[in-house]
Amino acid sequence: MTHPHGDRELCDEALRLYSEALRDGRISRDALTAAPCLMGMALLHPDPMDASVLRPVPPSAALAHLLLPITREIHERVRLTTALADSLAPLTAVPSGDPNLSITVLEGMPLIVSVLSESSAAATSEILTAQPGGNRTKTSMEQGLRNSLAAIERGARLRHIYQHPARYNPHLKDYMTRVPAGWLEVRTVEQTVERLIIFDREMALIPADAERTTALEIRHPALVTYLVQVYEVLWAGGTPLAEHLPATSPRTQVTPVQQSIARLLVEGTSDEAVARRMGISVRTCRAHIAKLMHALNASSRTHLGALLVQSGLVTQEPARGPRPGTDEGPSPARIAPDGNGPSGPQ
């Protein structure tokens, strides 16, 4: 039968039947006539002893399975965004007589702050922001609050994406209490793109250097539309700030942030690169690694890598074959023994 919703959605009847299956540990195959999406999303599996019965997949396992293609899509979007920025940045130095140049270089923090304030005050529809890192300073949040209140005054709504560590930042919590209710939504993600701010889907700001003291003001409609699409992918994969992060394995006392760090470590990423991608300091990163070793009773960094995979906290990617034209064999995932070994893609 044709089902009246998308292939990544669950209807009310499906949720009711899935809840019933979880409660009873089983459900009749005939009961799924009205909710075929349960099988399509792999939330149930056949009972090997009785073909007429289906068994429920635990919600945590089902969630991991369903999020995998979305996570891969986000990573691909992040890669494309980085490649786009790297390609366009050199072109900003090319002279142009066009008075309506759609990419403008903003040099120096005073100019960037001024453009942010002016654009916030002029916004009338929405402002979308993605902010990497978890250390939100009091000064930056005070400036952000002034810009947000100016935008809200003209009727613009706000959506913010932060990385998971920002959940524990007191300045962000204070900012949330001072923004009028109903005007702001906040989600957090494991990893995000570089800083991205979009005003009314007409103008976007992105950094143009590693120090973030130079920015690109983008007004080209196609580029802004593309950046909005990247933002919406990140937003769809984010966890609302009001909700708890997805639970980790009940067998170990590991936080979601530590599980994210574990995934990067198994890829062979150095401590410095892990900290940069998670938006935390190297010192904090190493403190989390020490807690992982304690939680799993690991005697060394190499031992930790094996235990992370064995415990199910991290799923190791299949080893890739040799690259064309080389004699290089498959390269298994590994943790750098001293935290300073080879790192994965940045």
C-alpha atoms as a PDB file:
ATOM      1  CA  MET A   1       0.000   0.000   0.000  1.00  0.00           C
ATOM      2  CA  THR A   2       1.039   3.603  -0.550  1.00  0.00           C
ATOM      3  CA  HIS A   3       2.006   5.247   2.732  1.00  0.00           C
ATOM      4  CA  PRO A   4       1.168   8.955   3.181  1.00  0.00           C
ATOM      5  CA  HIS A   5       4.562  10.231   4.381  1.00  0.00           C
ATOM      6  CA  GLY A   6       8.270  10.268   3.601  1.00  0.00           C
ATOM      7  CA  ASP A   7      10.606   7.308   4.023  1.00  0.00           C
ATOM      8  CA  ARG A   8      12.330   8.921   7.033  1.00  0.00           C
ATOM      9  CA  GLU A   9       9.142   9.571   8.991  1.00  0.00           C
ATOM     10  CA  LEU A  10       6.967   7.578  11.370  1.00  0.00           C
ATOM     11  CA  CYS A  11       3.198   8.015  11.422  1.00  0.00           C
ATOM     12  CA  ASP A  12       1.132   7.935  14.622  1.00  0.00           C
ATOM     13  CA  GLU A  13       0.010   4.374  13.956  1.00  0.00           C
ATOM     14  CA  ALA A  14       3.611   3.234  13.504  1.00  0.00           C
ATOM     15  CA  LEU A  15       4.649   4.839  16.778  1.00  0.00           C
ATOM     16  CA  ARG A  16       1.739   3.154  18.559  1.00  0.00           C
ATOM     17  CA  LEU A  17       2.600  -0.270  17.164  1.00  0.00           C
ATOM     18  CA  TYR A  18       6.315   0.149  17.851  1.00  0.00           C
ATOM     19  CA  SER A  19       5.566   1.119  21.475  1.00  0.00           C
ATOM     20  CA  GLU A  20       3.367  -1.955  21.764  1.00  0.00           C
ATOM     21  CA  ALA A  21       6.115  -4.176  20.334  1.00  0.00           C
ATOM     22  CA  LEU A  22       8.690  -2.748  22.759  1.00  0.00           C
ATOM     23  CA  ARG A  23       6.336  -3.336  25.685  1.00  0.00           C
ATOM     24  CA  ASP A  24       5.424  -6.917  24.725  1.00  0.00           C
ATOM     25  CA  GLY A  25       8.721  -7.889  23.079  1.00  0.00           C
ATOM     26  CA  ARG A  26       6.913  -8.989  19.926  1.00  0.00           C
ATOM     27  CA  ILE A  27       4.114  -8.117  17.516  1.00  0.00           C
ATOM     28  CA  SER A  28       2.129  -9.977  14.893  1.00  0.00           C
ATOM     29  CA  ARG A  29       3.251  -9.464  11.297  1.00  0.00           C
ATOM     30  CA  ASP A  30      -0.418  -8.955  10.335  1.00  0.00           C
ATOM     31  CA  ALA A  31      -0.614  -5.878  12.591  1.00  0.00           C
ATOM     32  CA  LEU A  32       1.753  -3.978  10.281  1.00  0.00           C
ATOM     33  CA  THR A  33      -0.734  -3.606   7.422  1.00  0.00           C
ATOM     34  CA  ALA A  34      -1.493  -0.019   8.460  1.00  0.00           C
ATOM     35  CA  ALA A  35       2.128   0.894   9.180  1.00  0.00           C
ATOM     36  CA  PRO A  36       4.580  -0.593   6.636  1.00  0.00           C
ATOM     37  CA  CYS A  37       7.073   2.159   7.535  1.00  0.00           C
ATOM     38  CA  LEU A  38       8.098   0.145  10.606  1.00  0.00           C
ATOM     39  CA  MET A  39       9.707  -2.502   8.405  1.00  0.00           C
ATOM     40  CA  GLY A  40      10.955   0.060   5.894  1.00  0.00           C
ATOM     41  CA  MET A  41      12.894   1.821   8.674  1.00  0.00           C
ATOM     42  CA  ALA A  42      14.166  -1.497  10.082  1.00  0.00           C
ATOM     43  CA  LEU A  43      12.502  -0.979  13.470  1.00  0.00           C
ATOM     44  CA  LEU A  44      11.295  -4.583  13.498  1.00  0.00           C
ATOM     45  CA  HIS A  45      12.923  -7.832  12.402  1.00  0.00           C
ATOM     46  CA  PRO A  46      11.488 -11.330  11.806  1.00  0.00           C
ATOM     47  CA  ASP A  47      11.440 -13.817  14.651  1.00  0.00           C
ATOM     48  CA  PRO A  48      13.730 -16.699  13.538  1.00  0.00           C
ATOM     49  CA  MET A  49      11.469 -19.178  15.340  1.00  0.00           C
ATOM     50  CA  ASP A  50       8.073 -17.921  14.125  1.00  0.00           C
ATOM     51  CA  ALA A  51       7.563 -16.309  10.696  1.00  0.00           C
ATOM     52  CA  SER A  52       4.291 -14.720  11.793  1.00  0.00           C
ATOM     53  CA  VAL A  53       5.953 -12.743  14.572  1.00  0.00           C
ATOM     54  CA  LEU A  54       8.220  -9.680  14.461  1.00  0.00           C
ATOM     55  CA  ARG A  55      10.629  -8.575  17.192  1.00  0.00           C
ATOM     56  CA  PRO A  56      11.388  -4.895  17.948  1.00  0.00           C
ATOM     57  CA  VAL A  57      14.864  -3.464  17.428  1.00  0.00           C
ATOM     58  CA  PRO A  58      15.979  -1.432  20.511  1.00  0.00           C
ATOM     59  CA  PRO A  59      15.418   2.317  19.897  1.00  0.00           C
ATOM     60  CA  SER A  60      19.109   3.162  20.466  1.00  0.00           C
ATOM     61  CA  ALA A  61      20.251   0.662  17.832  1.00  0.00           C
ATOM     62  CA  ALA A  62      17.528   1.759  15.409  1.00  0.00           C
ATOM     63  CA  LEU A  63      18.507   5.406  15.877  1.00  0.00           C
ATOM     64  CA  ALA A  64      22.169   4.688  15.122  1.00  0.00           C
ATOM     65  CA  HIS A  65      21.172   2.803  11.957  1.00  0.00           C
ATOM     66  CA  LEU A  66      18.848   5.567  10.734  1.00  0.00           C
ATOM     67  CA  LEU A  67      21.289   8.390  11.490  1.00  0.00           C
ATOM     68  CA  LEU A  68      24.222   6.803   9.626  1.00  0.00           C
ATOM     69  CA  PRO A  69      23.251   7.988   6.093  1.00  0.00           C
ATOM     70  CA  ILE A  70      22.343  11.432   7.457  1.00  0.00           C
ATOM     71  CA  THR A  71      25.723  11.715   9.192  1.00  0.00           C
ATOM     72  CA  ARG A  72      27.516  10.755   5.985  1.00  0.00           C
ATOM     73  CA  GLU A  73      25.512  13.382   4.092  1.00  0.00           C
ATOM     74  CA  ILE A  74      26.463  16.053   6.639  1.00  0.00           C
ATOM     75  CA  HIS A  75      30.150  15.155   6.399  1.00  0.00           C
ATOM     76  CA  GLU A  76      29.966  15.349   2.605  1.00  0.00           C
ATOM     77  CA  ARG A  77      28.273  18.750   2.789  1.00  0.00           C
ATOM     78  CA  VAL A  78      30.965  19.985   5.178  1.00  0.00           C
ATOM     79  CA  ARG A  79      33.657  18.769   2.777  1.00  0.00           C
ATOM     80  CA  LEU A  80      31.991  20.504  -0.170  1.00  0.00           C
ATOM     81  CA  THR A  81      31.585  23.716   1.822  1.00  0.00           C
ATOM     82  CA  THR A  82      35.273  23.756   2.739  1.00  0.00           C
ATOM     83  CA  ALA A  83      36.271  23.095  -0.870  1.00  0.00           C
ATOM     84  CA  LEU A  84      33.984  25.905  -2.042  1.00  0.00           C
ATOM     85  CA  ALA A  85      35.475  28.383   0.414  1.00  0.00           C
ATOM     86  CA  ASP A  86      39.028  27.368  -0.549  1.00  0.00           C
ATOM     87  CA  SER A  87      38.181  27.846  -4.228  1.00  0.00           C
ATOM     88  CA  LEU A  88      36.475  31.207  -3.875  1.00  0.00           C
ATOM     89  CA  ALA A  89      38.765  32.938  -1.386  1.00  0.00           C
ATOM     90  CA  PRO A  90      41.603  33.551  -3.909  1.00  0.00           C
ATOM     91  CA  LEU A  91      39.107  35.027  -6.378  1.00  0.00           C
ATOM     92  CA  THR A  92      38.204  37.841  -3.993  1.00  0.00           C
ATOM     93  CA  ALA A  93      41.496  39.545  -4.868  1.00  0.00           C
ATOM     94  CA  VAL A  94      40.642  39.725  -8.589  1.00  0.00           C
ATOM     95  CA  PRO A  95      39.839  43.353  -9.541  1.00  0.00           C
ATOM     96  CA  SER A  96      36.306  44.018 -10.774  1.00  0.00           C
ATOM     97  CA  GLY A  97      34.547  47.093 -12.045  1.00  0.00           C
ATOM     98  CA  ASP A  98      31.162  45.708 -11.047  1.00  0.00           C
ATOM     99  CA  PRO A  99      29.660  48.082  -8.434  1.00  0.00           C
ATOM    100  CA  ASN A 100      27.377  45.260  -7.250  1.00  0.00           C
ATOM    101  CA  LEU A 101      30.176  42.803  -6.491  1.00  0.00           C
ATOM    102  CA  SER A 102      28.541  39.802  -4.826  1.00  0.00           C
ATOM    103  CA  ILE A 103      31.580  38.843  -2.676  1.00  0.00           C
ATOM    104  CA  THR A 104      33.171  41.482  -0.466  1.00  0.00           C
ATOM    105  CA  VAL A 105      36.256  41.067   1.726  1.00  0.00           C
ATOM    106  CA  LEU A 106      35.908  42.457   5.256  1.00  0.00           C
ATOM    107  CA  GLU A 107      39.305  42.993   6.885  1.00  0.00           C
ATOM    108  CA  GLY A 108      39.675  43.522  10.630  1.00  0.00           C
ATOM    109  CA  MET A 109      37.417  42.692  13.566  1.00  0.00           C
ATOM    110  CA  PRO A 110      36.004  46.242  13.955  1.00  0.00           C
ATOM    111  CA  LEU A 111      34.622  46.134  10.396  1.00  0.00           C
ATOM    112  CA  ILE A 112      33.277  42.590  10.817  1.00  0.00           C
ATOM    113  CA  VAL A 113      31.563  43.474  14.110  1.00  0.00           C
ATOM    114  CA  SER A 114      30.087  46.592  12.507  1.00  0.00           C
ATOM    115  CA  VAL A 115      28.670  44.631   9.545  1.00  0.00           C
ATOM    116  CA  LEU A 116      27.235  42.024  11.920  1.00  0.00           C
ATOM    117  CA  SER A 117      25.495  44.695  13.982  1.00  0.00           C
ATOM    118  CA  GLU A 118      24.133  46.546  10.935  1.00  0.00           C
ATOM    119  CA  SER A 119      22.927  43.352   9.259  1.00  0.00           C
ATOM    120  CA  SER A 120      21.248  42.139  12.455  1.00  0.00           C
ATOM    121  CA  ALA A 121      19.423  45.426  12.864  1.00  0.00           C
ATOM    122  CA  ALA A 122      18.264  45.291   9.229  1.00  0.00           C
ATOM    123  CA  ALA A 123      17.067  41.663   9.261  1.00  0.00           C
ATOM    124  CA  THR A 124      13.309  41.211   9.055  1.00  0.00           C
ATOM    125  CA  SER A 125      12.813  37.454   8.532  1.00  0.00           C
ATOM    126  CA  GLU A 126      15.437  35.192  10.113  1.00  0.00           C
ATOM    127  CA  ILE A 127      19.063  34.906  11.109  1.00  0.00           C
ATOM    128  CA  LEU A 128      20.826  31.527  10.920  1.00  0.00           C
ATOM    129  CA  THR A 129      24.137  31.028  12.714  1.00  0.00           C
ATOM    130  CA  ALA A 130      26.559  28.112  13.064  1.00  0.00           C
ATOM    131  CA  GLN A 131      29.226  28.694  15.695  1.00  0.00           C
ATOM    132  CA  PRO A 132      32.055  26.143  16.108  1.00  0.00           C
ATOM    133  CA  GLY A 133      33.658  25.545  19.472  1.00  0.00           C
ATOM    134  CA  GLY A 134      32.245  25.220  22.967  1.00  0.00           C
ATOM    135  CA  ASN A 135      33.930  28.156  24.695  1.00  0.00           C
ATOM    136  CA  ARG A 136      31.429  30.999  24.344  1.00  0.00           C
ATOM    137  CA  THR A 137      32.994  34.058  26.014  1.00  0.00           C
ATOM    138  CA  LYS A 138      30.976  36.578  27.993  1.00  0.00           C
ATOM    139  CA  THR A 139      32.010  39.391  25.627  1.00  0.00           C
ATOM    140  CA  SER A 140      30.956  37.526  22.487  1.00  0.00           C
ATOM    141  CA  MET A 141      27.632  36.489  24.016  1.00  0.00           C
ATOM    142  CA  GLU A 142      26.898  40.072  25.140  1.00  0.00           C
ATOM    143  CA  GLN A 143      27.554  41.317  21.601  1.00  0.00           C
ATOM    144  CA  GLY A 144      25.438  38.474  20.236  1.00  0.00           C
ATOM    145  CA  LEU A 145      22.601  39.393  22.595  1.00  0.00           C
ATOM    146  CA  ARG A 146      22.601  43.010  21.388  1.00  0.00           C
ATOM    147  CA  ASN A 147      22.466  41.847  17.761  1.00  0.00           C
ATOM    148  CA  SER A 148      19.738  39.306  18.507  1.00  0.00           C
ATOM    149  CA  LEU A 149      17.518  41.805  20.311  1.00  0.00           C
ATOM    150  CA  ALA A 150      17.920  44.272  17.432  1.00  0.00           C
ATOM    151  CA  ALA A 151      16.839  41.591  14.952  1.00  0.00           C
ATOM    152  CA  ILE A 152      13.894  40.467  17.081  1.00  0.00           C
ATOM    153  CA  GLU A 153      12.708  44.070  17.325  1.00  0.00           C
ATOM    154  CA  ARG A 154      12.210  44.056  13.522  1.00  0.00           C
ATOM    155  CA  GLY A 155      10.474  40.660  13.556  1.00  0.00           C
ATOM    156  CA  ALA A 156      13.372  38.343  12.670  1.00  0.00           C
ATOM    157  CA  ARG A 157      13.523  34.900  14.242  1.00  0.00           C
ATOM    158  CA  LEU A 158      16.792  33.225  15.214  1.00  0.00           C
ATOM    159  CA  ARG A 159      18.269  29.767  14.853  1.00  0.00           C
ATOM    160  CA  HIS A 160      21.672  28.925  16.350  1.00  0.00           C
ATOM    161  CA  ILE A 161      23.811  25.791  15.898  1.00  0.00           C
ATOM    162  CA  TYR A 162      26.599  25.142  18.414  1.00  0.00           C
ATOM    163  CA  GLN A 163      28.772  22.131  19.132  1.00  0.00           C
ATOM    164  CA  HIS A 164      27.793  19.821  21.991  1.00  0.00           C
ATOM    165  CA  PRO A 165      30.307  21.220  24.554  1.00  0.00           C
ATOM    166  CA  ALA A 166      28.533  24.607  24.388  1.00  0.00           C
ATOM    167  CA  ARG A 167      25.626  23.025  26.295  1.00  0.00           C
ATOM    168  CA  TYR A 168      27.638  23.403  29.486  1.00  0.00           C
ATOM    169  CA  ASN A 169      28.710  27.018  28.916  1.00  0.00           C
ATOM    170  CA  PRO A 170      27.250  29.410  31.523  1.00  0.00           C
ATOM    171  CA  HIS A 171      27.370  32.429  29.192  1.00  0.00           C
ATOM    172  CA  LEU A 172      25.214  30.625  26.622  1.00  0.00           C
ATOM    173  CA  LYS A 173      22.717  29.707  29.338  1.00  0.00           C
ATOM    174  CA  ASP A 174      22.568  33.348  30.435  1.00  0.00           C
ATOM    175  CA  TYR A 175      22.070  34.459  26.823  1.00  0.00           C
ATOM    176  CA  MET A 176      19.166  32.021  26.434  1.00  0.00           C
ATOM    177  CA  THR A 177      17.360  33.420  29.470  1.00  0.00           C
ATOM    178  CA  ARG A 178      17.616  36.991  28.151  1.00  0.00           C
ATOM    179  CA  VAL A 179      16.241  36.354  24.661  1.00  0.00           C
ATOM    180  CA  PRO A 180      12.424  36.709  24.524  1.00  0.00           C
ATOM    181  CA  ALA A 181      10.639  33.346  24.474  1.00  0.00           C
ATOM    182  CA  GLY A 182       9.458  32.066  21.121  1.00  0.00           C
ATOM    183  CA  TRP A 183      12.036  33.922  19.011  1.00  0.00           C
ATOM    184  CA  LEU A 184      15.028  31.593  19.310  1.00  0.00           C
ATOM    185  CA  GLU A 185      15.762  27.917  18.595  1.00  0.00           C
ATOM    186  CA  VAL A 186      19.098  26.316  19.466  1.00  0.00           C
ATOM    187  CA  ARG A 187      20.490  22.923  18.488  1.00  0.00           C
ATOM    188  CA  THR A 188      23.876  21.326  19.037  1.00  0.00           C
ATOM    189  CA  VAL A 189      25.860  18.975  16.820  1.00  0.00           C
ATOM    190  CA  GLU A 190      28.960  16.827  17.247  1.00  0.00           C
ATOM    191  CA  GLN A 191      30.915  18.627  14.531  1.00  0.00           C
ATOM    192  CA  THR A 192      30.027  21.653  12.455  1.00  0.00           C
ATOM    193  CA  VAL A 193      31.303  23.772   9.606  1.00  0.00           C
ATOM    194  CA  GLU A 194      33.335  26.902  10.220  1.00  0.00           C
ATOM    195  CA  ARG A 195      31.477  29.967  11.412  1.00  0.00           C
ATOM    196  CA  LEU A 196      28.486  30.732   9.203  1.00  0.00           C
ATOM    197  CA  ILE A 197      25.910  33.527   9.590  1.00  0.00           C
ATOM    198  CA  ILE A 198      23.040  34.061   7.155  1.00  0.00           C
ATOM    199  CA  PHE A 199      20.691  37.065   7.149  1.00  0.00           C
ATOM    200  CA  ASP A 200      17.207  36.773   5.596  1.00  0.00           C
ATOM    201  CA  ARG A 201      18.626  34.163   3.150  1.00  0.00           C
ATOM    202  CA  GLU A 202      20.074  37.079   1.183  1.00  0.00           C
ATOM    203  CA  MET A 203      23.519  37.653   2.684  1.00  0.00           C
ATOM    204  CA  ALA A 204      26.013  35.309   4.362  1.00  0.00           C
ATOM    205  CA  LEU A 205      29.236  35.850   6.291  1.00  0.00           C
ATOM    206  CA  ILE A 206      32.012  33.230   6.478  1.00  0.00           C
ATOM    207  CA  PRO A 207      35.629  33.490   7.736  1.00  0.00           C
ATOM    208  CA  ALA A 208      38.335  34.072   5.148  1.00  0.00           C
ATOM    209  CA  ASP A 209      41.366  33.205   7.320  1.00  0.00           C
ATOM    210  CA  ALA A 210      42.258  30.915  10.205  1.00  0.00           C
ATOM    211  CA  GLU A 211      42.347  33.777  12.723  1.00  0.00           C
ATOM    212  CA  ARG A 212      38.819  34.889  11.724  1.00  0.00           C
ATOM    213  CA  THR A 213      40.013  38.469  11.388  1.00  0.00           C
ATOM    214  CA  THR A 214      38.973  38.551   7.738  1.00  0.00           C
ATOM    215  CA  ALA A 215      35.526  37.569   6.484  1.00  0.00           C
ATOM    216  CA  LEU A 216      33.697  37.200   3.188  1.00  0.00           C
ATOM    217  CA  GLU A 217      30.370  38.965   2.773  1.00  0.00           C
ATOM    218  CA  ILE A 218      28.493  36.881   0.182  1.00  0.00           C
ATOM    219  CA  ARG A 219      25.422  38.184  -1.649  1.00  0.00           C
ATOM    220  CA  HIS A 220      25.467  35.986  -4.738  1.00  0.00           C
ATOM    221  CA  PRO A 221      22.008  34.312  -4.714  1.00  0.00           C
ATOM    222  CA  ALA A 222      23.280  30.888  -5.795  1.00  0.00           C
ATOM    223  CA  LEU A 223      26.035  30.825  -3.169  1.00  0.00           C
ATOM    224  CA  VAL A 224      23.725  32.010  -0.402  1.00  0.00           C
ATOM    225  CA  THR A 225      21.157  29.365  -1.383  1.00  0.00           C
ATOM    226  CA  TYR A 226      23.870  26.712  -1.236  1.00  0.00           C
ATOM    227  CA  LEU A 227      25.007  27.836   2.222  1.00  0.00           C
ATOM    228  CA  VAL A 228      21.393  27.793   3.433  1.00  0.00           C
ATOM    229  CA  GLN A 229      21.097  24.194   2.240  1.00  0.00           C
ATOM    230  CA  VAL A 230      24.280  23.269   4.133  1.00  0.00           C
ATOM    231  CA  TYR A 231      22.844  24.913   7.224  1.00  0.00           C
ATOM    232  CA  GLU A 232      19.545  23.026   6.941  1.00  0.00           C
ATOM    233  CA  VAL A 233      21.402  19.700   6.715  1.00  0.00           C
ATOM    234  CA  LEU A 234      23.306  20.529   9.895  1.00  0.00           C
ATOM    235  CA  TRP A 235      20.100  21.685  11.574  1.00  0.00           C
ATOM    236  CA  ALA A 236      18.277  18.465  10.702  1.00  0.00           C
ATOM    237  CA  GLY A 237      21.043  16.429  12.322  1.00  0.00           C
ATOM    238  CA  GLY A 238      21.231  18.590  15.469  1.00  0.00           C
ATOM    239  CA  THR A 239      19.816  17.885  18.920  1.00  0.00           C
ATOM    240  CA  PRO A 240      17.548  20.610  20.400  1.00  0.00           C
ATOM    241  CA  LEU A 241      19.166  22.223  23.419  1.00  0.00           C
ATOM    242  CA  ALA A 242      16.145  21.337  25.557  1.00  0.00           C
ATOM    243  CA  GLU A 243      16.645  17.616  24.839  1.00  0.00           C
ATOM    244  CA  HIS A 244      19.277  15.316  26.277  1.00  0.00           C
ATOM    245  CA  LEU A 245      21.980  14.099  23.941  1.00  0.00           C
ATOM    246  CA  PRO A 246      21.476  10.544  22.609  1.00  0.00           C
ATOM    247  CA  ALA A 247      22.399   7.998  25.265  1.00  0.00           C
ATOM    248  CA  THR A 248      25.596   6.006  24.952  1.00  0.00           C
ATOM    249  CA  SER A 249      26.112   2.360  25.824  1.00  0.00           C
ATOM    250  CA  PRO A 250      24.559   1.555  29.217  1.00  0.00           C
ATOM    251  CA  ARG A 251      27.536  -0.702  29.979  1.00  0.00           C
ATOM    252  CA  THR A 252      29.974   2.187  30.349  1.00  0.00           C
ATOM    253  CA  GLN A 253      29.847   5.600  31.998  1.00  0.00           C
ATOM    254  CA  VAL A 254      30.757   7.570  28.878  1.00  0.00           C
ATOM    255  CA  THR A 255      29.262  10.933  27.926  1.00  0.00           C
ATOM    256  CA  PRO A 256      28.135  11.749  24.363  1.00  0.00           C
ATOM    257  CA  VAL A 257      31.048  14.204  24.024  1.00  0.00           C
ATOM    258  CA  GLN A 258      33.504  11.484  25.052  1.00  0.00           C
ATOM    259  CA  GLN A 259      31.925   9.103  22.547  1.00  0.00           C
ATOM    260  CA  SER A 260      32.461  11.699  19.818  1.00  0.00           C
ATOM    261  CA  ILE A 261      36.103  12.013  20.867  1.00  0.00           C
ATOM    262  CA  ALA A 262      36.418   8.222  20.806  1.00  0.00           C
ATOM    263  CA  ARG A 263      35.253   8.067  17.180  1.00  0.00           C
ATOM    264  CA  LEU A 264      37.924  10.570  16.143  1.00  0.00           C
ATOM    265  CA  LEU A 265      40.637   8.785  18.135  1.00  0.00           C
ATOM    266  CA  VAL A 266      39.930   5.470  16.426  1.00  0.00           C
ATOM    267  CA  GLU A 267      40.441   7.216  13.075  1.00  0.00           C
ATOM    268  CA  GLY A 268      44.009   7.993  14.193  1.00  0.00           C
ATOM    269  CA  THR A 269      43.318  11.696  14.773  1.00  0.00           C
ATOM    270  CA  SER A 270      45.803  13.540  17.011  1.00  0.00           C
ATOM    271  CA  ASP A 271      44.721  15.151  20.288  1.00  0.00           C
ATOM    272  CA  GLU A 272      45.184  18.627  18.814  1.00  0.00           C
ATOM    273  CA  ALA A 273      43.021  17.832  15.786  1.00  0.00           C
ATOM    274  CA  VAL A 274      40.341  16.192  17.953  1.00  0.00           C
ATOM    275  CA  ALA A 275      40.199  19.276  20.186  1.00  0.00           C
ATOM    276  CA  ARG A 276      39.939  21.567  17.163  1.00  0.00           C
ATOM    277  CA  ARG A 277      37.100  19.588  15.595  1.00  0.00           C
ATOM    278  CA  MET A 278      35.223  19.246  18.896  1.00  0.00           C
ATOM    279  CA  GLY A 279      35.637  22.922  19.746  1.00  0.00           C
ATOM    280  CA  ILE A 280      37.417  22.341  23.067  1.00  0.00           C
ATOM    281  CA  SER A 281      40.919  22.935  24.410  1.00  0.00           C
ATOM    282  CA  VAL A 282      43.626  20.276  24.068  1.00  0.00           C
ATOM    283  CA  ARG A 283      43.785  20.083  27.869  1.00  0.00           C
ATOM    284  CA  THR A 284      40.049  19.372  28.109  1.00  0.00           C
ATOM    285  CA  CYS A 285      40.328  16.860  25.277  1.00  0.00           C
ATOM    286  CA  ARG A 286      43.073  14.934  27.077  1.00  0.00           C
ATOM    287  CA  ALA A 287      41.050  14.988  30.303  1.00  0.00           C
ATOM    288  CA  HIS A 288      38.180  13.310  28.407  1.00  0.00           C
ATOM    289  CA  ILE A 289      40.602  10.733  26.962  1.00  0.00           C
ATOM    290  CA  ALA A 290      41.858   9.968  30.479  1.00  0.00           C
ATOM    291  CA  LYS A 291      38.258   9.413  31.596  1.00  0.00           C
ATOM    292  CA  LEU A 292      37.686   7.091  28.629  1.00  0.00           C
ATOM    293  CA  MET A 293      40.736   5.054  29.621  1.00  0.00           C
ATOM    294  CA  HIS A 294      39.489   4.872  33.215  1.00  0.00           C
ATOM    295  CA  ALA A 295      35.940   3.923  32.177  1.00  0.00           C
ATOM    296  CA  LEU A 296      37.204   1.072  29.982  1.00  0.00           C
ATOM    297  CA  ASN A 297      40.142   0.091  32.231  1.00  0.00           C
ATOM    298  CA  ALA A 298      42.568   0.676  29.366  1.00  0.00           C
ATOM    299  CA  SER A 299      46.269   0.256  30.201  1.00  0.00           C
ATOM    300  CA  SER A 300      47.537   2.252  27.200  1.00  0.00           C
ATOM    301  CA  ARG A 301      46.375   4.297  24.232  1.00  0.00           C
ATOM    302  CA  THR A 302      46.706   1.243  21.969  1.00  0.00           C
ATOM    303  CA  HIS A 303      44.698  -0.828  24.436  1.00  0.00           C
ATOM    304  CA  LEU A 304      42.055   1.929  24.513  1.00  0.00           C
ATOM    305  CA  GLY A 305      41.647   1.739  20.732  1.00  0.00           C
ATOM    306  CA  ALA A 306      40.913  -1.978  20.880  1.00  0.00           C
ATOM    307  CA  LEU A 307      38.510  -1.609  23.816  1.00  0.00           C
ATOM    308  CA  LEU A 308      36.568   1.200  22.130  1.00  0.00           C
ATOM    309  CA  VAL A 309      35.774  -1.072  19.187  1.00  0.00           C
ATOM    310  CA  GLN A 310      35.157  -4.167  21.338  1.00  0.00           C
ATOM    311  CA  SER A 311      32.771  -2.295  23.645  1.00  0.00           C
ATOM    312  CA  GLY A 312      30.604  -1.126  20.751  1.00  0.00           C
ATOM    313  CA  LEU A 313      31.161   2.546  21.608  1.00  0.00           C
ATOM    314  CA  VAL A 314      32.816   2.998  18.221  1.00  0.00           C
ATOM    315  CA  THR A 315      32.110   1.153  14.987  1.00  0.00           C
ATOM    316  CA  GLN A 316      35.337   0.658  13.077  1.00  0.00           C
ATOM    317  CA  GLU A 317      35.102   1.384   9.362  1.00  0.00           C
ATOM    318  CA  PRO A 318      36.051  -1.521   7.065  1.00  0.00           C
ATOM    319  CA  ALA A 319      39.709  -1.358   6.065  1.00  0.00           C
ATOM    320  CA  ARG A 320      40.206   0.228   2.671  1.00  0.00           C
ATOM    321  CA  GLY A 321      42.277  -1.468  -0.004  1.00  0.00           C
ATOM    322  CA  PRO A 322      45.468  -0.020  -1.483  1.00  0.00           C
ATOM    323  CA  ARG A 323      45.196   3.208  -3.410  1.00  0.00           C
ATOM    324  CA  PRO A 324      45.630   2.867  -7.201  1.00  0.00           C
ATOM    325  CA  GLY A 325      49.272   2.995  -8.279  1.00  0.00           C
ATOM    326  CA  THR A 326      50.682   2.160  -4.837  1.00  0.00           C
ATOM    327  CA  ASP A 327      51.784  -0.922  -2.925  1.00  0.00           C
ATOM    328  CA  GLU A 328      50.145   0.355   0.203  1.00  0.00           C
ATOM    329  CA  GLY A 329      48.040  -2.229   1.995  1.00  0.00           C
ATOM    330  CA  PRO A 330      44.809  -1.706   3.959  1.00  0.00           C
ATOM    331  CA  SER A 331      45.179   0.840   6.729  1.00  0.00           C
ATOM    332  CA  PRO A 332      43.333  -0.135   9.938  1.00  0.00           C
ATOM    333  CA  ALA A 333      41.969   2.564  12.232  1.00  0.00           C
ATOM    334  CA  ARG A 334      44.331   3.286  15.094  1.00  0.00           C
ATOM    335  CA  ILE A 335      44.833   5.648  18.000  1.00  0.00           C
ATOM    336  CA  ALA A 336      48.020   7.678  18.000  1.00  0.00           C
ATOM    337  CA  PRO A 337      49.970   6.236  20.986  1.00  0.00           C
ATOM    338  CA  ASP A 338      51.103   9.588  22.348  1.00  0.00           C
ATOM    339  CA  GLY A 339      48.288  11.735  21.036  1.00  0.00           C
ATOM    340  CA  ASN A 340      50.518  13.328  18.404  1.00  0.00           C
ATOM    341  CA  GLY A 341      50.454  10.757  15.605  1.00  0.00           C
ATOM    342  CA  PRO A 342      48.884  10.936  12.151  1.00  0.00           C
ATOM    343  CA  SER A 343      45.562  12.685  11.991  1.00  0.00           C
ATOM    344  CA  GLY A 344      42.519  12.060   9.824  1.00  0.00           C
ATOM    345  CA  PRO A 345      40.837  14.497   7.428  1.00  0.00           C
ATOM    346  CA  GLN A 346      40.436  17.943   8.936  1.00  0.00           C
END
